[in-house]
Amino acid sequence: MTSPLSRSRSRRVPSHIAVRVAHAVLGGLVAMGWLVLPLARAGADAPVARARDTGVAARPVTTAQDGTTTGDLVPPLVAVGAAGALAAYGYGRRRRRATTRTTPGGDPEIIPLHELDAQARRLLVETDDCVRVGAEELALAEDRSAGDAIEPYVYDLRHAEAGLAAAFRLRQRLDETEAAGVDPAQDESERREVLEEIVAHCREAGERLDAAAPGLDQIRALERNAVAALESAEARFREVAARIRGAEATLAELHERYAPAASLPVAGDAEQAKDRLLFTTSHLNQARQYADRGDGAKAAAHLRAAEGALGQAFDLANGVERLAAELDSAAAGLPAAIAAAEASWNAARALPAEARAGLVGRLGHAEAVLSAVRHETAAGPHDPLDALRRVTEAVAGLAGTGPAGTGGDDVPDGHGQALLPARSALAGAACFIGTHRGAVGSEARTRLAEARRLLGPGSVPLSEVLRADDLAREARRLAERDVRAYGNPSGGRGGAGAGGAVLGGILLSDGEGGPMSYGGPRTRGRRGAFFT
């Protein structure tokens, strides 16, 4: 784990230099005083001698036994005292800095650990929202701009995504440490370093997007090209409306073909999509009115809000179609998966006695799961994705359990069958969090990011596939908990469907109140002033 101190050191250099210069100057003055004082005393002795010559009585000077006067001891004592004071001050300052650090580039005052933790969570949510909206608006810009024109902004977004991914990875490790029962107080310094690094990653990503926002505004030119952008949005509106009608029909078919639990993840998505579409209709109309009046700034603000809602309506409708396709694939592949699981069970049973000794419990569990799945599939409508997940998890404990030469490594592990449920859980959690991001906190987003990392490109071991599946489902549960706690947001000044737009993070719920745009935390709500 890389410490953030080296990266942020340049931000604190000026204050360190000033303190060191002050120390050096003070030490130099003390040293010069020590050197000059004996000369001044030597000059002062001459008048005393003349006074004695003229018969004027002089004050006796106390002399030590070795001939040193008491005044000769003053400069060393002063120097020693000053050096001690400087040493005590420096030691105290270093001790305070070591025990209570500040965030990189932040306020110089001490930030308590719990406040730093809250700041890291808040920045993770803000930065994640900015990256999501940046990708959405950049895709719209790509449709209407030359590739070379937006290439720098694609690079900035990719850089921000990489920084955010690193921050989420650090947060996941921190959460795993806490879940393992490690007392945070035992390693407060390391915890602070990790939190500081999360804050630094998020701030760097946000600052990069903030710096790029004006340039992308110039490329999109919504204020000048509102009419053309409106025509594009209205054409997409018609496509999404048709897709929502198809999603409603697909959802009805899922209810007939599969168990209710199979379609539960998308049960309300079609209704939410229509709510987003209602919001889109309202703001496309307002954008058209302002464009006809020549008020490009207000037209752009309402158009941007409509674009955000339209994107979420598409995602919600697409989520229904995606789940239907995944359920069909799982249903088609389940018989082969059961057959492969039975082969794995038989292979494990055929292992030598010494290799099979530690598999008694696993063999019994796998047999029970296979029996239950066979009964469910024969009984009627069921959830094929859940059945496939249970089969692959049960068989995973049997694969590769035998020692070399016993045949245990030849037991199939069901890796191919495990990928479909894991990817389905990941896609479902990502859609839910993206369309409810106004209410979802950092914990669910962190689990989602870790699941996405584990299921990244390339060959993925079975253990990581199963772990990603667990994390994706946990992310969904945590996100649903956050949404329930958030309740029903008020519409505010957004008009019809504004409550869903706030819940979806299309409209900012804080004082900015406007639509989110490409940019970092400082610039993302820049169109709010024109959103009336």
Protein backbone atom coordinates (compact mmCIF):
# COMPACT_ATOMS: atom_id res chain seq x y z
CA MET A 1 0.00 0.00 0.00
CA THR A 2 1.51 3.26 -1.12
CA SER A 3 1.63 6.02 1.44
CA PRO A 4 0.04 9.29 0.35
CA LEU A 5 2.62 11.30 2.24
CA SER A 6 5.26 11.24 -0.49
CA ARG A 7 2.74 12.23 -3.15
CA SER A 8 1.37 15.17 -1.16
CA ARG A 9 4.66 16.32 0.26
CA SER A 10 5.08 19.09 -2.32
CA ARG A 11 1.88 20.72 -1.08
CA ARG A 12 3.28 21.07 2.41
CA VAL A 13 6.81 22.08 1.50
CA PRO A 14 6.29 25.86 1.81
CA SER A 15 5.11 25.64 5.41
CA HIS A 16 8.00 23.33 6.35
CA ILE A 17 10.53 25.65 4.73
CA ALA A 18 9.15 28.68 6.56
CA VAL A 19 9.42 26.96 9.93
CA ARG A 20 12.95 25.77 9.24
CA VAL A 21 14.05 29.20 8.10
CA ALA A 22 12.61 30.73 11.27
CA HIS A 23 14.48 28.18 13.38
CA ALA A 24 17.74 28.89 11.53
CA VAL A 25 17.37 32.67 11.90
CA LEU A 26 16.63 32.42 15.61
CA GLY A 27 19.56 30.10 16.15
CA GLY A 28 21.84 32.44 14.20
CA LEU A 29 20.78 35.45 16.28
CA VAL A 30 21.50 33.57 19.50
CA ALA A 31 24.92 32.53 18.22
CA MET A 32 25.82 36.07 17.11
CA GLY A 33 24.72 37.43 20.46
CA TRP A 34 26.97 34.97 22.20
CA LEU A 35 29.93 36.03 20.03
CA VAL A 36 29.33 39.78 20.27
CA LEU A 37 28.58 39.96 24.00
CA PRO A 38 32.19 39.31 25.17
CA LEU A 39 33.43 42.14 22.90
CA ALA A 40 30.85 44.46 24.37
CA ARG A 41 31.95 43.44 27.86
CA ALA A 42 35.59 44.07 26.96
CA GLY A 43 34.73 47.60 25.83
CA ALA A 44 32.75 48.14 28.98
CA ASP A 45 35.76 47.18 31.24
CA ALA A 46 37.81 50.21 30.09
CA PRO A 47 35.64 52.86 31.76
CA VAL A 48 35.76 50.84 34.95
CA ALA A 49 39.55 50.93 34.90
CA ARG A 50 39.54 54.71 34.34
CA ALA A 51 37.09 55.12 37.14
CA ARG A 52 39.46 53.32 39.47
CA ASP A 53 42.29 55.61 38.37
CA THR A 54 40.30 58.69 39.26
CA GLY A 55 39.48 57.30 42.64
CA VAL A 56 35.83 56.56 41.95
CA ALA A 57 34.72 53.46 43.79
CA ALA A 58 33.48 50.69 41.51
CA ARG A 59 31.05 47.87 42.34
CA PRO A 60 32.97 44.73 43.19
CA VAL A 61 32.65 41.89 40.68
CA THR A 62 32.08 38.42 42.00
CA THR A 63 34.75 36.03 40.79
CA ALA A 64 34.67 32.27 40.85
CA GLN A 65 37.54 30.29 42.26
CA ASP A 66 38.92 29.60 38.75
CA GLY A 67 38.85 33.31 37.86
CA THR A 68 35.67 33.29 35.77
CA THR A 69 33.23 36.08 36.53
CA THR A 70 29.51 35.42 37.00
CA GLY A 71 28.75 37.56 33.92
CA ASP A 72 30.83 35.22 31.78
CA LEU A 73 28.29 32.42 32.46
CA VAL A 74 25.32 34.35 31.07
CA PRO A 75 25.86 33.76 27.31
CA PRO A 76 26.23 29.96 27.61
CA LEU A 77 23.18 29.74 29.84
CA VAL A 78 21.13 31.84 27.42
CA ALA A 79 22.24 29.74 24.46
CA VAL A 80 21.53 26.47 26.25
CA GLY A 81 18.08 27.72 27.27
CA ALA A 82 17.25 28.87 23.73
CA ALA A 83 18.45 25.58 22.25
CA GLY A 84 16.36 23.64 24.76
CA ALA A 85 13.28 25.70 23.98
CA LEU A 86 13.73 25.16 20.24
CA ALA A 87 14.26 21.43 20.73
CA ALA A 88 11.15 21.13 22.90
CA TYR A 89 9.07 23.06 20.36
CA GLY A 90 10.33 20.98 17.44
CA TYR A 91 9.75 17.70 19.30
CA GLY A 92 6.23 18.70 20.28
CA ARG A 93 5.41 19.82 16.75
CA ARG A 94 6.74 16.59 15.21
CA ARG A 95 4.79 14.54 17.75
CA ARG A 96 1.55 16.37 17.01
CA ARG A 97 2.09 15.98 13.26
CA ALA A 98 2.81 12.25 13.62
CA THR A 99 -0.25 11.52 15.74
CA THR A 100 -2.76 13.82 14.02
CA ARG A 101 -2.30 14.36 10.30
CA THR A 102 -4.32 16.36 7.90
CA THR A 103 -5.70 15.49 4.49
CA PRO A 104 -3.38 16.16 1.54
CA GLY A 105 -3.77 19.71 0.39
CA GLY A 106 -6.61 20.25 2.82
CA ASP A 107 -7.18 22.52 5.75
CA PRO A 108 -4.11 22.76 8.02
CA GLU A 109 -6.24 22.13 11.11
CA ILE A 110 -6.34 18.64 12.56
CA ILE A 111 -9.07 16.41 11.16
CA PRO A 112 -10.35 13.72 13.53
CA LEU A 113 -10.24 10.22 12.12
CA HIS A 114 -14.01 9.76 12.03
CA GLU A 115 -14.39 13.02 10.08
CA LEU A 116 -11.68 11.94 7.64
CA ASP A 117 -13.53 8.66 7.14
CA ALA A 118 -16.79 10.52 6.45
CA GLN A 119 -14.97 12.82 4.03
CA ALA A 120 -13.53 9.83 2.15
CA ARG A 121 -16.98 8.24 1.84
CA ARG A 122 -18.53 11.47 0.60
CA LEU A 123 -15.81 12.01 -2.00
CA LEU A 124 -16.16 8.43 -3.24
CA VAL A 125 -19.86 9.00 -3.88
CA GLU A 126 -19.32 12.42 -5.50
CA THR A 127 -16.50 11.20 -7.73
CA ASP A 128 -18.38 8.08 -8.75
CA ASP A 129 -21.37 10.23 -9.76
CA CYS A 130 -19.12 12.54 -11.73
CA VAL A 131 -17.49 9.65 -13.59
CA ARG A 132 -20.88 8.09 -14.41
CA VAL A 133 -22.32 11.37 -15.72
CA GLY A 134 -19.09 12.14 -17.55
CA ALA A 135 -19.27 8.84 -19.42
CA GLU A 136 -22.92 9.49 -20.28
CA GLU A 137 -22.38 12.99 -21.65
CA LEU A 138 -19.20 12.02 -23.42
CA ALA A 139 -21.11 9.30 -25.29
CA LEU A 140 -23.59 11.96 -26.45
CA ALA A 141 -20.71 14.18 -27.56
CA GLU A 142 -19.15 11.31 -29.53
CA ASP A 143 -22.34 10.90 -31.54
CA ARG A 144 -22.17 14.50 -32.80
CA SER A 145 -18.43 15.31 -32.82
CA ALA A 146 -15.29 14.16 -34.54
CA GLY A 147 -13.34 11.54 -32.66
CA ASP A 148 -10.13 13.55 -32.48
CA ALA A 149 -12.00 16.52 -30.94
CA ILE A 150 -13.16 14.61 -27.89
CA GLU A 151 -10.11 12.39 -27.52
CA PRO A 152 -8.55 14.55 -24.75
CA TYR A 153 -11.78 14.38 -22.76
CA VAL A 154 -11.94 10.62 -23.16
CA TYR A 155 -8.42 10.48 -21.78
CA ASP A 156 -9.35 12.68 -18.82
CA LEU A 157 -12.34 10.49 -18.06
CA ARG A 158 -10.27 7.30 -18.26
CA HIS A 159 -7.71 8.83 -15.93
CA ALA A 160 -10.47 9.76 -13.47
CA GLU A 161 -11.92 6.24 -13.72
CA ALA A 162 -8.52 4.74 -12.91
CA GLY A 163 -8.09 6.98 -9.87
CA LEU A 164 -11.60 6.19 -8.67
CA ALA A 165 -10.99 2.45 -9.11
CA ALA A 166 -7.84 2.74 -6.98
CA ALA A 167 -9.77 4.62 -4.31
CA PHE A 168 -12.51 1.97 -4.24
CA ARG A 169 -9.90 -0.77 -3.98
CA LEU A 170 -8.36 0.92 -0.94
CA ARG A 171 -11.80 1.35 0.62
CA GLN A 172 -12.57 -2.34 0.05
CA ARG A 173 -9.34 -3.38 1.76
CA LEU A 174 -10.13 -1.10 4.67
CA ASP A 175 -13.62 -2.56 5.01
CA GLU A 176 -12.28 -6.11 4.81
CA THR A 177 -9.82 -5.34 7.60
CA GLU A 178 -12.63 -4.05 9.79
CA ALA A 179 -14.82 -7.04 8.94
CA ALA A 180 -12.00 -9.35 10.00
CA GLY A 181 -12.34 -8.01 13.53
CA VAL A 182 -9.16 -5.94 13.63
CA ASP A 183 -9.45 -3.13 16.14
CA PRO A 184 -9.09 0.16 14.16
CA ALA A 185 -7.50 1.80 17.19
CA GLN A 186 -4.59 -0.65 17.01
CA ASP A 187 -3.45 0.74 13.67
CA GLU A 188 -4.85 4.24 13.56
CA SER A 189 -1.85 5.65 11.71
CA GLU A 190 -2.16 3.19 8.81
CA ARG A 191 -5.91 3.70 8.64
CA ARG A 192 -5.37 7.44 8.41
CA GLU A 193 -2.86 6.98 5.59
CA VAL A 194 -5.33 4.85 3.61
CA LEU A 195 -8.11 7.38 4.08
CA GLU A 196 -5.81 10.20 3.03
CA GLU A 197 -4.89 8.29 -0.11
CA ILE A 198 -8.56 7.71 -0.94
CA VAL A 199 -9.21 11.44 -0.53
CA ALA A 200 -6.21 12.27 -2.72
CA HIS A 201 -7.32 9.91 -5.52
CA CYS A 202 -10.85 11.32 -5.50
CA ARG A 203 -9.71 14.94 -5.43
CA GLU A 204 -7.29 14.41 -8.28
CA ALA A 205 -10.00 12.74 -10.39
CA GLY A 206 -12.49 15.52 -9.61
CA GLU A 207 -10.00 18.27 -10.37
CA ARG A 208 -9.14 16.70 -13.73
CA LEU A 209 -12.82 16.55 -14.71
CA ASP A 210 -13.38 20.09 -13.43
CA ALA A 211 -10.54 21.34 -15.62
CA ALA A 212 -11.90 19.52 -18.68
CA ALA A 213 -15.54 20.62 -18.28
CA PRO A 214 -15.29 24.02 -20.07
CA GLY A 215 -13.65 22.44 -23.10
CA LEU A 216 -16.34 19.79 -23.46
CA ASP A 217 -19.00 22.49 -23.15
CA GLN A 218 -17.40 24.22 -26.11
CA ILE A 219 -17.49 21.01 -28.14
CA ARG A 220 -21.10 20.15 -27.31
CA ALA A 221 -22.17 23.81 -27.59
CA LEU A 222 -25.67 23.08 -26.27
CA GLU A 223 -26.32 26.79 -25.82
CA ARG A 224 -25.65 27.47 -29.52
CA ASN A 225 -26.85 24.18 -31.00
CA ALA A 226 -29.87 23.56 -28.79
CA VAL A 227 -32.22 22.97 -31.72
CA ALA A 228 -30.06 20.25 -33.30
CA ALA A 229 -29.46 18.59 -29.91
CA LEU A 230 -33.20 18.71 -29.22
CA GLU A 231 -33.99 16.93 -32.47
CA SER A 232 -31.50 14.20 -31.58
CA ALA A 233 -32.95 13.84 -28.07
CA GLU A 234 -36.53 13.70 -29.38
CA ALA A 235 -35.59 10.94 -31.84
CA ARG A 236 -34.01 8.96 -29.04
CA PHE A 237 -37.08 9.62 -26.89
CA ARG A 238 -39.25 7.78 -29.40
CA GLU A 239 -36.84 4.83 -29.46
CA VAL A 240 -36.75 4.58 -25.67
CA ALA A 241 -40.55 4.85 -25.41
CA ALA A 242 -40.89 1.88 -27.76
CA ARG A 243 -38.29 -0.02 -25.75
CA ILE A 244 -40.24 0.58 -22.54
CA ARG A 245 -43.38 -0.85 -24.10
CA GLY A 246 -41.36 -3.89 -25.11
CA ALA A 247 -39.96 -4.19 -21.58
CA GLU A 248 -43.48 -4.26 -20.12
CA ALA A 249 -44.44 -7.09 -22.46
CA THR A 250 -41.22 -8.96 -21.62
CA LEU A 251 -41.87 -8.60 -17.90
CA ALA A 252 -45.33 -10.13 -18.32
CA GLU A 253 -43.78 -13.09 -20.14
CA LEU A 254 -41.22 -13.57 -17.36
CA HIS A 255 -44.02 -13.78 -14.81
CA GLU A 256 -45.60 -16.59 -16.82
CA ARG A 257 -42.46 -18.59 -17.58
CA TYR A 258 -40.45 -18.36 -14.37
CA ALA A 259 -40.94 -18.20 -10.62
CA PRO A 260 -41.70 -14.71 -9.20
CA ALA A 261 -38.23 -14.55 -7.64
CA ALA A 262 -36.64 -14.77 -11.09
CA SER A 263 -38.00 -11.39 -12.24
CA LEU A 264 -37.91 -9.72 -8.82
CA PRO A 265 -34.70 -7.71 -9.57
CA VAL A 266 -36.53 -5.80 -12.35
CA ALA A 267 -40.06 -5.86 -10.94
CA GLY A 268 -40.52 -2.09 -10.87
CA ASP A 269 -38.09 -1.07 -13.61
CA ALA A 270 -40.66 -0.52 -16.34
CA GLU A 271 -42.68 1.82 -14.10
CA GLN A 272 -39.57 3.74 -13.11
CA ALA A 273 -38.58 4.00 -16.75
CA LYS A 274 -41.95 5.57 -17.55
CA ASP A 275 -41.47 8.01 -14.67
CA ARG A 276 -38.10 9.06 -16.11
CA LEU A 277 -39.76 9.39 -19.49
CA LEU A 278 -42.42 11.68 -18.01
CA PHE A 279 -39.65 13.88 -16.64
CA THR A 280 -37.95 13.82 -20.04
CA THR A 281 -41.13 14.93 -21.79
CA SER A 282 -41.55 17.90 -19.48
CA HIS A 283 -38.00 19.14 -19.88
CA LEU A 284 -37.75 18.57 -23.60
CA ASN A 285 -40.81 20.80 -23.93
CA GLN A 286 -39.24 23.49 -21.75
CA ALA A 287 -35.96 23.24 -23.63
CA ARG A 288 -37.85 23.71 -26.90
CA GLN A 289 -39.66 26.78 -25.54
CA TYR A 290 -36.45 28.43 -24.33
CA ALA A 291 -34.68 27.62 -27.59
CA ASP A 292 -37.50 29.27 -29.55
CA ARG A 293 -37.09 32.38 -27.38
CA GLY A 294 -33.35 32.45 -28.03
CA ASP A 295 -32.42 31.68 -24.40
CA GLY A 296 -29.70 29.14 -25.10
CA ALA A 297 -28.46 28.84 -21.51
CA LYS A 298 -31.84 27.81 -20.10
CA ALA A 299 -32.54 25.58 -23.09
CA ALA A 300 -29.23 23.79 -22.46
CA ALA A 301 -30.01 23.30 -18.76
CA HIS A 302 -33.38 21.67 -19.42
CA LEU A 303 -32.00 19.67 -22.33
CA ARG A 304 -29.21 18.30 -20.14
CA ALA A 305 -31.79 17.22 -17.51
CA ALA A 306 -33.85 15.51 -20.22
CA GLU A 307 -30.77 13.71 -21.56
CA GLY A 308 -29.93 12.33 -18.12
CA ALA A 309 -33.46 11.05 -17.55
CA LEU A 310 -33.62 9.58 -21.03
CA GLY A 311 -30.41 7.66 -20.42
CA GLN A 312 -31.77 6.15 -17.20
CA ALA A 313 -35.09 5.26 -18.84
CA PHE A 314 -33.14 3.34 -21.47
CA ASP A 315 -31.03 1.58 -18.81
CA LEU A 316 -34.12 0.52 -16.84
CA ALA A 317 -35.90 -0.83 -19.91
CA ASN A 318 -32.73 -2.49 -21.14
CA GLY A 319 -32.28 -4.14 -17.72
CA VAL A 320 -35.56 -6.02 -18.18
CA GLU A 321 -34.52 -7.29 -21.62
CA ARG A 322 -31.07 -8.20 -20.36
CA LEU A 323 -32.43 -10.24 -17.44
CA ALA A 324 -34.84 -12.05 -19.74
CA ALA A 325 -31.98 -13.08 -22.01
CA GLU A 326 -29.91 -14.22 -19.01
CA LEU A 327 -32.80 -16.29 -17.62
CA ASP A 328 -33.28 -17.94 -21.02
CA SER A 329 -29.55 -18.76 -21.21
CA ALA A 330 -29.55 -20.14 -17.69
CA ALA A 331 -32.64 -22.27 -18.37
CA ALA A 332 -31.06 -23.64 -21.54
CA GLY A 333 -27.75 -24.40 -19.82
CA LEU A 334 -29.10 -25.76 -16.54
CA PRO A 335 -29.58 -29.41 -17.67
CA ALA A 336 -25.99 -29.56 -18.91
CA ALA A 337 -24.79 -27.93 -15.68
CA ILE A 338 -26.66 -30.51 -13.60
CA ALA A 339 -25.18 -33.31 -15.67
CA ALA A 340 -21.68 -31.84 -15.26
CA ALA A 341 -22.25 -31.47 -11.52
CA GLU A 342 -23.32 -35.09 -11.26
CA ALA A 343 -20.17 -36.09 -13.14
CA SER A 344 -18.10 -34.05 -10.70
CA TRP A 345 -19.89 -35.67 -7.77
CA ASN A 346 -19.27 -39.13 -9.18
CA ALA A 347 -15.62 -38.31 -9.85
CA ALA A 348 -15.18 -37.14 -6.27
CA ARG A 349 -16.89 -40.28 -4.98
CA ALA A 350 -14.48 -42.39 -7.06
CA LEU A 351 -11.40 -40.91 -5.40
CA PRO A 352 -9.30 -43.17 -3.16
CA ALA A 353 -10.50 -43.43 0.41
CA GLU A 354 -7.69 -41.29 1.80
CA ALA A 355 -8.46 -38.49 -0.67
CA ARG A 356 -12.22 -38.76 -0.12
CA ALA A 357 -11.98 -38.66 3.67
CA GLY A 358 -12.16 -34.88 3.86
CA LEU A 359 -15.02 -34.63 1.36
CA VAL A 360 -17.78 -36.36 3.24
CA GLY A 361 -19.56 -33.13 4.19
CA ARG A 362 -19.10 -31.56 0.76
CA LEU A 363 -20.32 -34.66 -1.03
CA GLY A 364 -23.42 -34.74 1.13
CA HIS A 365 -24.12 -31.04 0.56
CA ALA A 366 -23.64 -31.33 -3.21
CA GLU A 367 -25.95 -34.34 -3.35
CA ALA A 368 -28.66 -32.44 -1.44
CA VAL A 369 -28.37 -29.39 -3.70
CA LEU A 370 -28.53 -31.46 -6.88
CA SER A 371 -31.57 -33.31 -5.60
CA ALA A 372 -33.36 -30.06 -4.71
CA VAL A 373 -32.58 -28.45 -8.08
CA ARG A 374 -33.78 -31.51 -9.99
CA HIS A 375 -37.02 -31.43 -8.01
CA GLU A 376 -37.54 -27.69 -8.65
CA THR A 377 -36.97 -27.94 -12.37
CA ALA A 378 -39.38 -30.85 -12.66
CA ALA A 379 -42.07 -29.17 -10.52
CA GLY A 380 -42.69 -26.21 -12.83
CA PRO A 381 -41.67 -22.51 -13.04
CA HIS A 382 -38.42 -21.84 -11.21
CA ASP A 383 -35.50 -19.40 -11.12
CA PRO A 384 -32.86 -20.87 -13.46
CA LEU A 385 -30.19 -18.31 -12.55
CA ASP A 386 -30.48 -19.12 -8.86
CA ALA A 387 -30.52 -22.85 -9.59
CA LEU A 388 -27.42 -22.53 -11.75
CA ARG A 389 -25.67 -20.55 -9.03
CA ARG A 390 -26.42 -23.14 -6.37
CA VAL A 391 -25.25 -26.02 -8.55
CA THR A 392 -21.92 -24.40 -9.41
CA GLU A 393 -21.28 -23.37 -5.80
CA ALA A 394 -21.95 -26.89 -4.56
CA VAL A 395 -19.62 -28.47 -7.11
CA ALA A 396 -16.88 -25.87 -6.60
CA GLY A 397 -16.03 -27.46 -3.26
CA LEU A 398 -15.33 -30.79 -4.92
CA ALA A 399 -12.97 -29.71 -7.72
CA GLY A 400 -9.22 -30.15 -7.34
CA THR A 401 -9.54 -31.73 -3.89
CA GLY A 402 -7.58 -34.93 -4.56
CA PRO A 403 -3.80 -35.13 -4.20
CA ALA A 404 -1.60 -35.37 -7.27
CA GLY A 405 -2.00 -38.66 -9.07
CA THR A 406 -5.35 -39.57 -7.46
CA GLY A 407 -7.56 -37.99 -10.09
CA GLY A 408 -8.91 -35.23 -7.86
CA ASP A 409 -7.60 -32.52 -10.16
CA ASP A 410 -9.74 -33.98 -12.94
CA VAL A 411 -12.99 -33.18 -11.13
CA PRO A 412 -14.76 -30.46 -13.20
CA ASP A 413 -15.19 -27.20 -11.33
CA GLY A 414 -18.17 -25.71 -13.18
CA HIS A 415 -16.27 -22.53 -14.03
CA GLY A 416 -18.18 -21.86 -17.25
CA GLN A 417 -21.56 -22.23 -15.58
CA ALA A 418 -20.57 -19.90 -12.72
CA LEU A 419 -19.84 -16.94 -14.99
CA LEU A 420 -23.43 -16.38 -16.10
CA PRO A 421 -24.97 -15.85 -12.63
CA ALA A 422 -22.02 -13.69 -11.55
CA ARG A 423 -22.21 -11.42 -14.60
CA SER A 424 -25.98 -11.20 -14.26
CA ALA A 425 -25.67 -10.13 -10.61
CA LEU A 426 -23.01 -7.57 -11.55
CA ALA A 427 -25.07 -6.06 -14.36
CA GLY A 428 -28.18 -5.92 -12.20
CA ALA A 429 -26.40 -4.23 -9.30
CA ALA A 430 -24.74 -1.73 -11.63
CA CYS A 431 -28.08 -0.79 -13.20
CA PHE A 432 -29.81 -0.40 -9.85
CA ILE A 433 -27.04 1.72 -8.35
CA GLY A 434 -26.74 3.85 -11.48
CA THR A 435 -30.45 4.61 -11.63
CA HIS A 436 -30.74 5.23 -7.85
CA ARG A 437 -27.40 6.88 -7.26
CA GLY A 438 -28.94 9.89 -5.56
CA ALA A 439 -29.63 7.66 -2.55
CA VAL A 440 -26.86 5.03 -2.70
CA GLY A 441 -23.86 5.46 -0.42
CA SER A 442 -20.22 4.48 -0.69
CA GLU A 443 -20.49 0.97 0.76
CA ALA A 444 -22.65 -0.46 -2.04
CA ARG A 445 -20.54 1.32 -4.67
CA THR A 446 -17.36 -0.11 -3.16
CA ARG A 447 -18.67 -3.69 -3.34
CA LEU A 448 -19.78 -3.12 -6.92
CA ALA A 449 -16.36 -1.78 -7.90
CA GLU A 450 -14.62 -4.78 -6.35
CA ALA A 451 -16.95 -7.23 -8.12
CA ARG A 452 -16.29 -5.46 -11.41
CA ARG A 453 -12.53 -5.66 -10.80
CA LEU A 454 -12.68 -9.41 -10.10
CA LEU A 455 -14.72 -10.07 -13.25
CA GLY A 456 -12.44 -7.95 -15.39
CA PRO A 457 -11.02 -9.00 -18.76
CA GLY A 458 -8.91 -12.11 -19.02
CA SER A 459 -9.16 -15.52 -17.44
CA VAL A 460 -10.84 -15.38 -14.04
CA PRO A 461 -10.31 -18.20 -11.50
CA LEU A 462 -13.45 -19.87 -10.20
CA SER A 463 -12.83 -18.58 -6.68
CA GLU A 464 -12.85 -14.99 -7.94
CA VAL A 465 -15.97 -15.60 -10.03
CA LEU A 466 -17.83 -16.83 -6.95
CA ARG A 467 -16.45 -13.97 -4.86
CA ALA A 468 -17.55 -11.44 -7.47
CA ASP A 469 -21.02 -12.97 -7.49
CA ASP A 470 -21.26 -12.60 -3.70
CA LEU A 471 -19.99 -9.01 -3.82
CA ALA A 472 -22.39 -7.99 -6.59
CA ARG A 473 -25.37 -9.37 -4.70
CA GLU A 474 -24.16 -7.69 -1.52
CA ALA A 475 -23.85 -4.40 -3.42
CA ARG A 476 -27.46 -4.75 -4.57
CA ARG A 477 -28.68 -5.46 -1.02
CA LEU A 478 -26.79 -2.49 0.40
CA ALA A 479 -28.07 -0.21 -2.34
CA GLU A 480 -31.67 -1.29 -1.74
CA ARG A 481 -31.17 -0.62 1.98
CA ASP A 482 -29.94 2.90 1.21
CA VAL A 483 -32.91 3.57 -1.07
CA ARG A 484 -35.37 2.42 1.58
CA ALA A 485 -33.72 4.67 4.14
CA TYR A 486 -33.75 7.59 1.69
CA GLY A 487 -37.51 7.42 1.23
CA ASN A 488 -39.42 9.38 -1.41
CA PRO A 489 -37.57 12.55 -2.41
CA SER A 490 -39.62 15.64 -3.06
CA GLY A 491 -39.82 16.91 -6.60
CA GLY A 492 -38.67 20.43 -5.81
CA ARG A 493 -38.48 22.70 -8.83
CA GLY A 494 -37.99 19.90 -11.34
CA GLY A 495 -41.68 19.47 -12.13
CA ALA A 496 -43.32 16.14 -13.06
CA GLY A 497 -41.13 13.14 -12.31
CA ALA A 498 -38.61 15.25 -10.41
CA GLY A 499 -38.68 12.95 -7.39
CA GLY A 500 -37.39 10.08 -9.50
CA ALA A 501 -34.86 12.40 -11.12
CA VAL A 502 -33.48 13.34 -7.70
CA LEU A 503 -33.42 9.68 -6.65
CA GLY A 504 -31.58 8.85 -9.85
CA GLY A 505 -29.02 11.62 -9.34
CA ILE A 506 -30.13 13.40 -12.51
CA LEU A 507 -30.94 16.48 -10.46
CA LEU A 508 -28.68 17.45 -7.60
CA SER A 509 -30.50 17.36 -4.29
CA ASP A 510 -28.31 19.97 -2.56
CA GLY A 511 -28.33 23.74 -2.95
CA GLU A 512 -27.21 23.50 -6.59
CA GLY A 513 -30.46 21.82 -7.56
CA GLY A 514 -29.73 21.66 -11.28
CA PRO A 515 -28.95 18.85 -13.72
CA MET A 516 -25.61 17.09 -13.48
CA SER A 517 -23.17 17.64 -16.33
CA TYR A 518 -19.70 16.43 -17.32
CA GLY A 519 -17.26 17.73 -14.72
CA GLY A 520 -15.97 17.28 -11.19
CA PRO A 521 -17.66 18.18 -7.89
CA ARG A 522 -16.98 21.88 -8.45
CA THR A 523 -18.44 22.16 -11.97
CA ARG A 524 -20.99 19.35 -12.23
CA GLY A 525 -23.91 21.61 -11.24
CA ARG A 526 -22.90 24.63 -13.29
CA ARG A 527 -26.19 24.65 -15.21
CA GLY A 528 -28.26 24.84 -12.04
CA ALA A 529 -28.39 28.65 -12.19
CA PHE A 530 -30.34 28.41 -15.46
CA PHE A 531 -32.65 25.60 -14.35
CA THR A 532 -35.82 27.54 -13.56
